Amino acid sequence: MAGLTTILADVRYPLLWAFGGLCALLFYLRHRRRVRTFLLGAVTGLLSLVLLHLFGGSIAPTLSWTNLLIATVFGIPGTALILLAGLL
């Protein structure tokens, strides 16, 4: 039983991000102007990540490629998840 718990713990984090990516994809596909919606979400997510990095103080996340990609795909909710993951 301990082996199954370890496997689930290893798979849980990527599955959470995959589920979030699927929700973001469905959100973008639901809109009439998909490209504009995606670009607006990407710009606001990147801007929020950079502003949080510059003015966030001790809770500021780093500007790694992974964080930039997450903020681009998920927008502001992705930046909030990065912040929460850093606090935990």
C-alpha atoms as a PDB file:
ATOM      1  CA  MET A   1       0.000   0.000   0.000  1.00  0.00           C
ATOM      2  CA  ALA A   2       2.922   2.377   0.610  1.00  0.00           C
ATOM      3  CA  GLY A   3       3.991   1.958  -3.024  1.00  0.00           C
ATOM      4  CA  LEU A   4       0.615   3.142  -4.305  1.00  0.00           C
ATOM      5  CA  THR A   5       0.736   6.188  -2.029  1.00  0.00           C
ATOM      6  CA  THR A   6       4.167   7.099  -3.365  1.00  0.00           C
ATOM      7  CA  ILE A   7       3.014   6.733  -6.964  1.00  0.00           C
ATOM      8  CA  LEU A   8      -0.040   8.907  -6.331  1.00  0.00           C
ATOM      9  CA  ALA A   9       2.092  11.563  -4.635  1.00  0.00           C
ATOM     10  CA  ASP A  10       4.445  11.640  -7.633  1.00  0.00           C
ATOM     11  CA  VAL A  11       1.617  11.863 -10.168  1.00  0.00           C
ATOM     12  CA  ARG A  12      -0.648  14.290  -8.302  1.00  0.00           C
ATOM     13  CA  TYR A  13       1.273  17.501  -9.074  1.00  0.00           C
ATOM     14  CA  PRO A  14       1.560  16.979 -12.871  1.00  0.00           C
ATOM     15  CA  LEU A  15      -2.082  15.886 -13.014  1.00  0.00           C
ATOM     16  CA  LEU A  16      -3.128  19.070 -11.225  1.00  0.00           C
ATOM     17  CA  TRP A  17      -1.316  21.224 -13.794  1.00  0.00           C
ATOM     18  CA  ALA A  18      -2.653  19.117 -16.681  1.00  0.00           C
ATOM     19  CA  PHE A  19      -6.190  19.599 -15.378  1.00  0.00           C
ATOM     20  CA  GLY A  20      -5.571  23.339 -15.087  1.00  0.00           C
ATOM     21  CA  GLY A  21      -4.226  23.407 -18.634  1.00  0.00           C
ATOM     22  CA  LEU A  22      -7.302  21.590 -19.898  1.00  0.00           C
ATOM     23  CA  CYS A  23      -9.556  24.085 -18.116  1.00  0.00           C
ATOM     24  CA  ALA A  24      -7.600  26.978 -19.655  1.00  0.00           C
ATOM     25  CA  LEU A  25      -7.828  25.413 -23.102  1.00  0.00           C
ATOM     26  CA  LEU A  26     -11.582  24.945 -22.760  1.00  0.00           C
ATOM     27  CA  PHE A  27     -11.894  28.541 -21.561  1.00  0.00           C
ATOM     28  CA  TYR A  28     -10.007  29.850 -24.591  1.00  0.00           C
ATOM     29  CA  LEU A  29     -11.959  27.645 -27.018  1.00  0.00           C
ATOM     30  CA  ARG A  30     -15.280  28.776 -25.581  1.00  0.00           C
ATOM     31  CA  HIS A  31     -14.735  32.398 -26.578  1.00  0.00           C
ATOM     32  CA  ARG A  32     -15.602  33.743 -29.970  1.00  0.00           C
ATOM     33  CA  ARG A  33     -12.284  35.565 -30.480  1.00  0.00           C
ATOM     34  CA  ARG A  34      -9.927  32.854 -29.296  1.00  0.00           C
ATOM     35  CA  VAL A  35      -6.613  34.404 -30.277  1.00  0.00           C
ATOM     36  CA  ARG A  36      -7.413  37.766 -28.740  1.00  0.00           C
ATOM     37  CA  THR A  37      -8.628  36.099 -25.535  1.00  0.00           C
ATOM     38  CA  PHE A  38      -5.458  34.018 -25.310  1.00  0.00           C
ATOM     39  CA  LEU A  39      -3.212  37.016 -25.971  1.00  0.00           C
ATOM     40  CA  LEU A  40      -5.011  39.125 -23.376  1.00  0.00           C
ATOM     41  CA  GLY A  41      -4.702  36.312 -20.813  1.00  0.00           C
ATOM     42  CA  ALA A  42      -1.023  35.789 -21.659  1.00  0.00           C
ATOM     43  CA  VAL A  43      -0.154  39.478 -21.391  1.00  0.00           C
ATOM     44  CA  THR A  44      -1.991  39.943 -18.099  1.00  0.00           C
ATOM     45  CA  GLY A  45      -0.434  36.779 -16.662  1.00  0.00           C
ATOM     46  CA  LEU A  46       3.092  37.794 -17.644  1.00  0.00           C
ATOM     47  CA  LEU A  47       2.565  41.359 -16.437  1.00  0.00           C
ATOM     48  CA  SER A  48       1.256  40.154 -13.084  1.00  0.00           C
ATOM     49  CA  LEU A  49       4.214  37.777 -12.684  1.00  0.00           C
ATOM     50  CA  VAL A  50       6.760  40.487 -13.490  1.00  0.00           C
ATOM     51  CA  LEU A  51       5.079  43.027 -11.187  1.00  0.00           C
ATOM     52  CA  LEU A  52       4.923  40.470  -8.404  1.00  0.00           C
ATOM     53  CA  HIS A  53       8.594  39.666  -8.969  1.00  0.00           C
ATOM     54  CA  LEU A  54       9.574  43.344  -8.855  1.00  0.00           C
ATOM     55  CA  PHE A  55       7.375  44.501  -5.986  1.00  0.00           C
ATOM     56  CA  GLY A  56       6.519  41.288  -4.146  1.00  0.00           C
ATOM     57  CA  GLY A  57       9.299  41.455  -1.606  1.00  0.00           C
ATOM     58  CA  SER A  58       9.893  38.211   0.249  1.00  0.00           C
ATOM     59  CA  ILE A  59       7.015  36.329  -1.434  1.00  0.00           C
ATOM     60  CA  ALA A  60       8.117  37.151  -4.989  1.00  0.00           C
ATOM     61  CA  PRO A  61       8.553  34.135  -7.282  1.00  0.00           C
ATOM     62  CA  THR A  62      11.583  33.799  -9.516  1.00  0.00           C
ATOM     63  CA  LEU A  63      11.355  34.480 -13.235  1.00  0.00           C
ATOM     64  CA  SER A  64      12.175  30.996 -14.475  1.00  0.00           C
ATOM     65  CA  TRP A  65      11.103  29.566 -17.824  1.00  0.00           C
ATOM     66  CA  THR A  66       8.584  27.335 -16.092  1.00  0.00           C
ATOM     67  CA  ASN A  67       6.955  30.222 -14.242  1.00  0.00           C
ATOM     68  CA  LEU A  68       6.860  32.317 -17.399  1.00  0.00           C
ATOM     69  CA  LEU A  69       5.212  29.466 -19.313  1.00  0.00           C
ATOM     70  CA  ILE A  70       2.636  28.895 -16.575  1.00  0.00           C
ATOM     71  CA  ALA A  71       1.810  32.612 -16.398  1.00  0.00           C
ATOM     72  CA  THR A  72       1.495  32.750 -20.185  1.00  0.00           C
ATOM     73  CA  VAL A  73      -0.866  29.779 -20.506  1.00  0.00           C
ATOM     74  CA  PHE A  74      -2.923  30.243 -17.325  1.00  0.00           C
ATOM     75  CA  GLY A  75      -2.880  34.038 -17.051  1.00  0.00           C
ATOM     76  CA  ILE A  76      -3.467  35.660 -13.664  1.00  0.00           C
ATOM     77  CA  PRO A  77      -4.803  32.432 -12.056  1.00  0.00           C
ATOM     78  CA  GLY A  78      -1.509  30.770 -13.029  1.00  0.00           C
ATOM     79  CA  THR A  79       0.439  33.528 -11.318  1.00  0.00           C
ATOM     80  CA  ALA A  80      -1.700  33.054  -8.216  1.00  0.00           C
ATOM     81  CA  LEU A  81      -0.997  29.307  -8.270  1.00  0.00           C
ATOM     82  CA  ILE A  82       2.743  29.988  -8.583  1.00  0.00           C
ATOM     83  CA  LEU A  83       2.509  32.297  -5.587  1.00  0.00           C
ATOM     84  CA  LEU A  84       0.569  29.745  -3.549  1.00  0.00           C
ATOM     85  CA  ALA A  85       2.968  26.945  -4.491  1.00  0.00           C
ATOM     86  CA  GLY A  86       5.873  29.091  -3.306  1.00  0.00           C
ATOM     87  CA  LEU A  87       4.189  29.808   0.032  1.00  0.00           C
ATOM     88  CA  LEU A  88       3.475  26.154   0.792  1.00  0.00           C
END
